[in-house]
């Protein structure tokens, strides 16, 4: 006649079967968390690319060189080729500026 033995618990660890079950549950939980993080990252990256208007404009326009970014966003007026003379911003007092840099249309500074 065969004798049936019950597994003996070994302290806090429990039986070997219980330890293997806990190990399987832990590894399964880690894999599920990794899968959730990967899916969330993919969703956020796709949403970020869809919300980026510069990337969409670049794809729509091809590889056309950018003209003037300030004109493109509407901050500065677009100047034609003959109006595009350099603007001199004086950083010296008027008496120290060279004569060719002084423009008669500039207002006089009251002292």
N, C-alpha and C. Protein backbone atom coordinates (compact mmCIF):
# COMPACT_ATOMS: atom_id res chain seq x y z
N UNK A 1 0.82 -1.15 0.00
CA UNK A 1 0.00 0.00 0.00
C UNK A 1 0.89 1.25 0.00
N UNK A 2 0.51 2.24 -0.85
CA UNK A 2 1.31 3.46 -0.99
C UNK A 2 0.93 4.45 0.08
N UNK A 3 1.90 5.04 0.53
CA UNK A 3 1.68 6.00 1.60
C UNK A 3 1.59 7.40 1.00
N UNK A 4 0.53 8.18 1.33
CA UNK A 4 0.33 9.53 0.83
C UNK A 4 0.96 10.50 1.82
N UNK A 5 1.85 11.33 1.28
CA UNK A 5 2.49 12.31 2.16
C UNK A 5 2.02 13.71 1.76
N UNK A 6 1.85 14.53 2.72
CA UNK A 6 1.50 15.93 2.46
C UNK A 6 2.78 16.74 2.56
N UNK A 7 2.89 17.77 1.68
CA UNK A 7 4.10 18.58 1.75
C UNK A 7 4.19 19.32 3.08
N UNK A 8 5.39 19.34 3.61
CA UNK A 8 5.63 20.02 4.88
C UNK A 8 6.02 21.48 4.61
N UNK A 9 5.33 22.44 5.22
CA UNK A 9 5.73 23.83 5.03
C UNK A 9 7.11 24.07 5.63
N UNK A 10 7.86 24.91 4.96
CA UNK A 10 9.20 25.19 5.44
C UNK A 10 9.29 26.65 5.91
N UNK A 11 8.68 26.97 6.98
CA UNK A 11 8.75 28.30 7.57
C UNK A 11 7.98 29.32 6.77
N UNK A 12 8.56 30.51 6.60
CA UNK A 12 7.91 31.62 5.91
C UNK A 12 7.84 31.41 4.40
N UNK A 13 8.72 30.61 3.84
CA UNK A 13 8.76 30.41 2.40
C UNK A 13 7.59 29.58 1.91
N UNK A 14 7.02 28.74 2.70
CA UNK A 14 5.96 27.86 2.26
C UNK A 14 6.54 26.68 1.51
N UNK A 15 5.68 26.01 0.78
CA UNK A 15 6.15 24.85 0.03
C UNK A 15 6.78 25.30 -1.28
N UNK A 16 7.39 24.36 -1.96
CA UNK A 16 8.03 24.65 -3.24
C UNK A 16 6.98 25.07 -4.26
N UNK A 17 5.83 24.43 -4.24
CA UNK A 17 4.77 24.76 -5.18
C UNK A 17 4.25 26.19 -4.94
N UNK A 18 4.12 26.58 -3.70
CA UNK A 18 3.68 27.94 -3.38
C UNK A 18 4.71 28.97 -3.84
N UNK A 19 5.98 28.65 -3.66
CA UNK A 19 7.04 29.57 -4.09
C UNK A 19 7.03 29.72 -5.61
N UNK A 20 6.83 28.62 -6.34
CA UNK A 20 6.78 28.69 -7.80
C UNK A 20 5.56 29.48 -8.26
N UNK A 21 4.44 29.30 -7.57
CA UNK A 21 3.23 30.06 -7.92
C UNK A 21 3.46 31.56 -7.73
N UNK A 22 4.06 31.94 -6.60
CA UNK A 22 4.34 33.36 -6.35
C UNK A 22 5.31 33.91 -7.40
N UNK A 23 6.28 33.11 -7.80
CA UNK A 23 7.24 33.54 -8.81
C UNK A 23 6.54 33.76 -10.16
N UNK A 24 5.66 32.85 -10.53
CA UNK A 24 4.93 32.99 -11.79
C UNK A 24 4.02 34.22 -11.77
N UNK A 25 3.34 34.44 -10.65
CA UNK A 25 2.46 35.62 -10.55
C UNK A 25 3.29 36.90 -10.62
N UNK A 26 4.43 36.94 -9.97
CA UNK A 26 5.28 38.13 -9.99
C UNK A 26 5.82 38.44 -11.37
N UNK A 27 6.31 37.42 -12.07
CA UNK A 27 6.84 37.62 -13.42
C UNK A 27 5.71 38.02 -14.36
N UNK A 28 4.55 37.40 -14.22
CA UNK A 28 3.40 37.78 -15.05
C UNK A 28 2.99 39.22 -14.81
N UNK A 29 3.01 39.65 -13.56
CA UNK A 29 2.67 41.05 -13.23
C UNK A 29 3.67 42.02 -13.84
N UNK A 30 4.95 41.69 -13.77
CA UNK A 30 5.96 42.56 -14.37
C UNK A 30 5.78 42.67 -15.89
N UNK A 31 5.46 41.54 -16.54
CA UNK A 31 5.25 41.57 -17.99
C UNK A 31 4.03 42.41 -18.35
N UNK A 32 2.97 42.33 -17.56
CA UNK A 32 1.78 43.14 -17.82
C UNK A 32 2.09 44.63 -17.67
N UNK A 33 2.83 45.00 -16.63
CA UNK A 33 3.20 46.40 -16.43
C UNK A 33 4.08 46.88 -17.57
N UNK A 34 5.02 46.06 -18.02
CA UNK A 34 5.88 46.43 -19.15
C UNK A 34 5.07 46.63 -20.42
N UNK A 35 4.10 45.78 -20.66
CA UNK A 35 3.24 45.90 -21.83
C UNK A 35 2.41 47.18 -21.76
N UNK A 36 1.87 47.51 -20.60
CA UNK A 36 1.07 48.74 -20.45
C UNK A 36 1.93 49.98 -20.69
N UNK A 37 3.15 49.99 -20.16
CA UNK A 37 4.05 51.13 -20.36
C UNK A 37 4.42 51.28 -21.83
N UNK A 38 4.67 50.18 -22.53
CA UNK A 38 5.02 50.24 -23.95
C UNK A 38 3.86 50.77 -24.78
N UNK A 39 2.65 50.33 -24.49
CA UNK A 39 1.48 50.80 -25.22
C UNK A 39 1.25 52.29 -24.95
N UNK A 40 1.36 52.72 -23.70
CA UNK A 40 1.17 54.13 -23.36
C UNK A 40 2.22 55.00 -24.05
N UNK A 41 3.46 54.54 -24.08
CA UNK A 41 4.52 55.30 -24.74
C UNK A 41 4.24 55.44 -26.23
N UNK A 42 3.78 54.37 -26.85
CA UNK A 42 3.46 54.41 -28.27
C UNK A 42 2.31 55.38 -28.55
N UNK A 43 1.29 55.36 -27.72
CA UNK A 43 0.14 56.26 -27.89
C UNK A 43 0.58 57.71 -27.72
N UNK A 44 1.38 58.00 -26.70
CA UNK A 44 1.82 59.38 -26.47
C UNK A 44 2.73 59.88 -27.59
N UNK A 45 3.59 59.02 -28.11
CA UNK A 45 4.47 59.43 -29.20
C UNK A 45 3.67 59.72 -30.46
N UNK A 46 2.67 58.92 -30.75
CA UNK A 46 1.82 59.15 -31.92
C UNK A 46 1.04 60.44 -31.76
N UNK A 47 0.51 60.69 -30.56
CA UNK A 47 -0.25 61.91 -30.32
C UNK A 47 0.64 63.14 -30.43
N UNK A 48 1.87 63.03 -29.96
CA UNK A 48 2.79 64.17 -30.02
C UNK A 48 3.15 64.48 -31.47
N UNK A 49 3.34 63.47 -32.29
CA UNK A 49 3.66 63.69 -33.69
C UNK A 49 2.48 64.27 -34.43
N UNK A 50 1.27 63.87 -34.06
CA UNK A 50 0.07 64.37 -34.73
C UNK A 50 -0.20 65.83 -34.35
N UNK A 51 0.20 66.25 -33.15
CA UNK A 51 -0.06 67.61 -32.69
C UNK A 51 1.03 68.59 -33.09
N UNK A 52 2.11 68.13 -33.69
CA UNK A 52 3.23 69.00 -34.03
C UNK A 52 2.96 69.64 -35.40
N UNK A 53 2.50 70.91 -35.44
CA UNK A 53 2.17 71.52 -36.73
C UNK A 53 3.38 71.74 -37.62
N UNK A 54 4.54 71.95 -37.05
CA UNK A 54 5.73 72.17 -37.87
C UNK A 54 6.07 70.91 -38.66
N UNK A 55 5.90 69.77 -38.05
CA UNK A 55 6.20 68.52 -38.74
C UNK A 55 5.19 68.29 -39.86
N UNK A 56 3.92 68.63 -39.61
CA UNK A 56 2.90 68.47 -40.64
C UNK A 56 3.16 69.41 -41.80
N UNK A 57 3.54 70.66 -41.51
CA UNK A 57 3.83 71.62 -42.57
C UNK A 57 5.03 71.16 -43.39
N UNK A 58 6.04 70.61 -42.73
CA UNK A 58 7.23 70.14 -43.44
C UNK A 58 6.88 68.98 -44.35
N UNK A 59 5.99 68.11 -43.90
CA UNK A 59 5.60 66.99 -44.74
C UNK A 59 4.74 67.47 -45.91
N UNK A 60 3.88 68.48 -45.67
CA UNK A 60 3.02 69.00 -46.73
C UNK A 60 3.81 69.76 -47.79
N UNK A 61 4.79 70.54 -47.37
CA UNK A 61 5.54 71.40 -48.28
C UNK A 61 6.75 70.71 -48.89
N UNK A 62 7.10 69.56 -48.42
CA UNK A 62 8.29 68.87 -48.94
C UNK A 62 9.54 69.46 -48.33
N UNK A 63 10.59 69.55 -49.11
CA UNK A 63 11.87 70.06 -48.61
C UNK A 63 12.10 71.48 -49.10
N UNK A 64 11.08 72.29 -49.14
CA UNK A 64 11.20 73.68 -49.57
C UNK A 64 11.97 74.47 -48.50
N UNK A 65 12.97 75.24 -48.90
CA UNK A 65 13.73 75.99 -47.89
C UNK A 65 12.86 77.06 -47.22
N UNK A 66 13.08 77.25 -45.95
CA UNK A 66 12.32 78.24 -45.20
C UNK A 66 12.77 79.64 -45.60
N UNK A 67 11.83 80.55 -45.71
CA UNK A 67 12.16 81.92 -46.10
C UNK A 67 12.52 82.72 -44.85
N UNK A 68 11.53 83.24 -44.22
CA UNK A 68 11.74 84.01 -43.01
C UNK A 68 10.76 83.50 -41.96
N UNK A 69 11.24 82.93 -40.88
CA UNK A 69 10.33 82.35 -39.90
C UNK A 69 9.40 83.38 -39.26
N UNK A 70 9.85 84.61 -39.11
CA UNK A 70 8.99 85.63 -38.52
C UNK A 70 7.84 85.99 -39.45
N UNK A 71 8.09 85.99 -40.74
CA UNK A 71 7.04 86.26 -41.72
C UNK A 71 6.08 85.07 -41.75
N UNK A 72 6.62 83.85 -41.66
CA UNK A 72 5.80 82.65 -41.72
C UNK A 72 4.78 82.60 -40.59
N UNK A 73 5.16 83.06 -39.41
CA UNK A 73 4.21 83.01 -38.29
C UNK A 73 3.41 84.29 -38.16
N UNK A 74 3.67 85.27 -39.01
CA UNK A 74 2.87 86.48 -39.03
C UNK A 74 3.31 87.56 -38.07
N UNK A 75 4.52 87.50 -37.57
CA UNK A 75 5.00 88.51 -36.61
C UNK A 75 5.55 89.73 -37.34
N UNK A 76 6.22 89.51 -38.47
CA UNK A 76 6.83 90.61 -39.22
C UNK A 76 6.18 90.67 -40.60
N UNK A 77 6.11 91.88 -41.18
CA UNK A 77 5.53 91.98 -42.53
C UNK A 77 6.49 91.42 -43.57
N UNK A 78 5.93 90.93 -44.65
CA UNK A 78 6.76 90.40 -45.73
C UNK A 78 7.19 91.56 -46.61
N UNK A 79 8.49 91.68 -46.83
CA UNK A 79 9.04 92.75 -47.64
C UNK A 79 9.45 92.20 -48.99
N UNK A 80 9.23 92.99 -50.02
CA UNK A 80 9.69 92.56 -51.34
C UNK A 80 11.19 92.79 -51.44
N UNK A 81 11.80 92.36 -52.53
CA UNK A 81 13.25 92.45 -52.69
C UNK A 81 13.78 93.86 -52.65
N UNK A 82 13.05 94.84 -53.22
CA UNK A 82 13.57 96.20 -53.25
C UNK A 82 13.39 96.92 -51.92
N UNK A 83 12.51 96.44 -51.05
CA UNK A 83 12.30 97.07 -49.75
C UNK A 83 13.20 96.48 -48.67
N UNK A 84 13.91 95.45 -48.99
CA UNK A 84 14.67 94.73 -47.98
C UNK A 84 16.04 95.36 -47.73
N UNK A 85 16.10 96.65 -47.45
CA UNK A 85 17.38 97.26 -47.11
C UNK A 85 17.62 97.08 -45.62
N UNK A 86 18.85 97.00 -45.21
CA UNK A 86 19.13 96.74 -43.79
C UNK A 86 18.67 97.90 -42.92
N UNK A 87 18.17 97.56 -41.77
CA UNK A 87 17.72 98.56 -40.80
C UNK A 87 18.84 98.75 -39.80
N UNK A 88 19.27 99.98 -39.64
CA UNK A 88 20.34 100.28 -38.70
C UNK A 88 19.72 100.72 -37.39
N UNK A 89 20.06 100.00 -36.36
CA UNK A 89 19.57 100.35 -35.03
C UNK A 89 20.72 101.02 -34.31
N UNK A 90 20.57 102.31 -34.02
CA UNK A 90 21.70 103.01 -33.40
C UNK A 90 21.88 102.57 -31.95
N UNK A 91 23.10 102.25 -31.62
CA UNK A 91 23.43 101.94 -30.23
C UNK A 91 24.45 102.94 -29.69
N UNK A 92 24.80 103.91 -30.52
CA UNK A 92 25.69 104.97 -30.10
C UNK A 92 24.90 106.28 -30.03
N UNK A 93 25.37 107.21 -29.25
CA UNK A 93 24.74 108.53 -29.30
C UNK A 93 24.88 109.12 -30.70
N UNK A 94 23.96 109.99 -31.09
CA UNK A 94 23.91 110.53 -32.45
C UNK A 94 25.21 111.22 -32.84
N UNK A 95 25.87 111.90 -31.91
CA UNK A 95 27.09 112.61 -32.28
C UNK A 95 28.26 111.66 -32.53
N UNK A 96 28.19 110.41 -32.08
CA UNK A 96 29.28 109.45 -32.31
C UNK A 96 29.01 108.53 -33.50
N UNK A 97 27.83 108.61 -34.08
CA UNK A 97 27.49 107.73 -35.19
C UNK A 97 28.14 108.24 -36.47
N UNK A 98 28.54 107.34 -37.38
CA UNK A 98 29.10 107.79 -38.66
C UNK A 98 27.99 108.45 -39.48
N UNK A 99 28.33 109.39 -40.35
CA UNK A 99 27.33 110.14 -41.10
C UNK A 99 26.46 109.27 -42.00
N UNK A 100 27.00 108.20 -42.58
CA UNK A 100 26.19 107.37 -43.48
C UNK A 100 25.14 106.55 -42.72
N UNK A 101 25.30 106.42 -41.40
CA UNK A 101 24.34 105.65 -40.62
C UNK A 101 23.20 106.51 -40.11
N UNK A 102 23.35 107.83 -40.18
CA UNK A 102 22.30 108.72 -39.68
C UNK A 102 21.24 108.88 -40.75
N UNK A 103 20.03 108.61 -40.38
CA UNK A 103 18.90 108.72 -41.30
C UNK A 103 18.09 109.94 -40.88
N UNK A 104 17.70 110.76 -41.85
CA UNK A 104 16.95 111.97 -41.54
C UNK A 104 15.56 111.65 -40.99
N UNK A 105 15.06 110.46 -41.26
CA UNK A 105 13.71 110.12 -40.78
C UNK A 105 13.70 109.67 -39.34
N UNK A 106 14.89 109.48 -38.76
CA UNK A 106 14.95 109.07 -37.37
C UNK A 106 14.62 110.27 -36.48
N UNK A 107 13.82 110.07 -35.45
CA UNK A 107 13.47 111.20 -34.57
C UNK A 107 14.69 111.59 -33.74
N UNK A 108 14.73 112.87 -33.44
CA UNK A 108 15.82 113.40 -32.62
C UNK A 108 15.56 113.07 -31.16
N UNK A 109 16.62 112.73 -30.46
CA UNK A 109 16.47 112.40 -29.03
C UNK A 109 16.49 113.71 -28.24
N UNK A 110 15.48 113.89 -27.39
CA UNK A 110 15.44 115.09 -26.53
C UNK A 110 16.34 114.84 -25.33
N UNK A 111 17.20 115.81 -25.05
CA UNK A 111 18.13 115.62 -23.94
C UNK A 111 17.81 116.53 -22.82
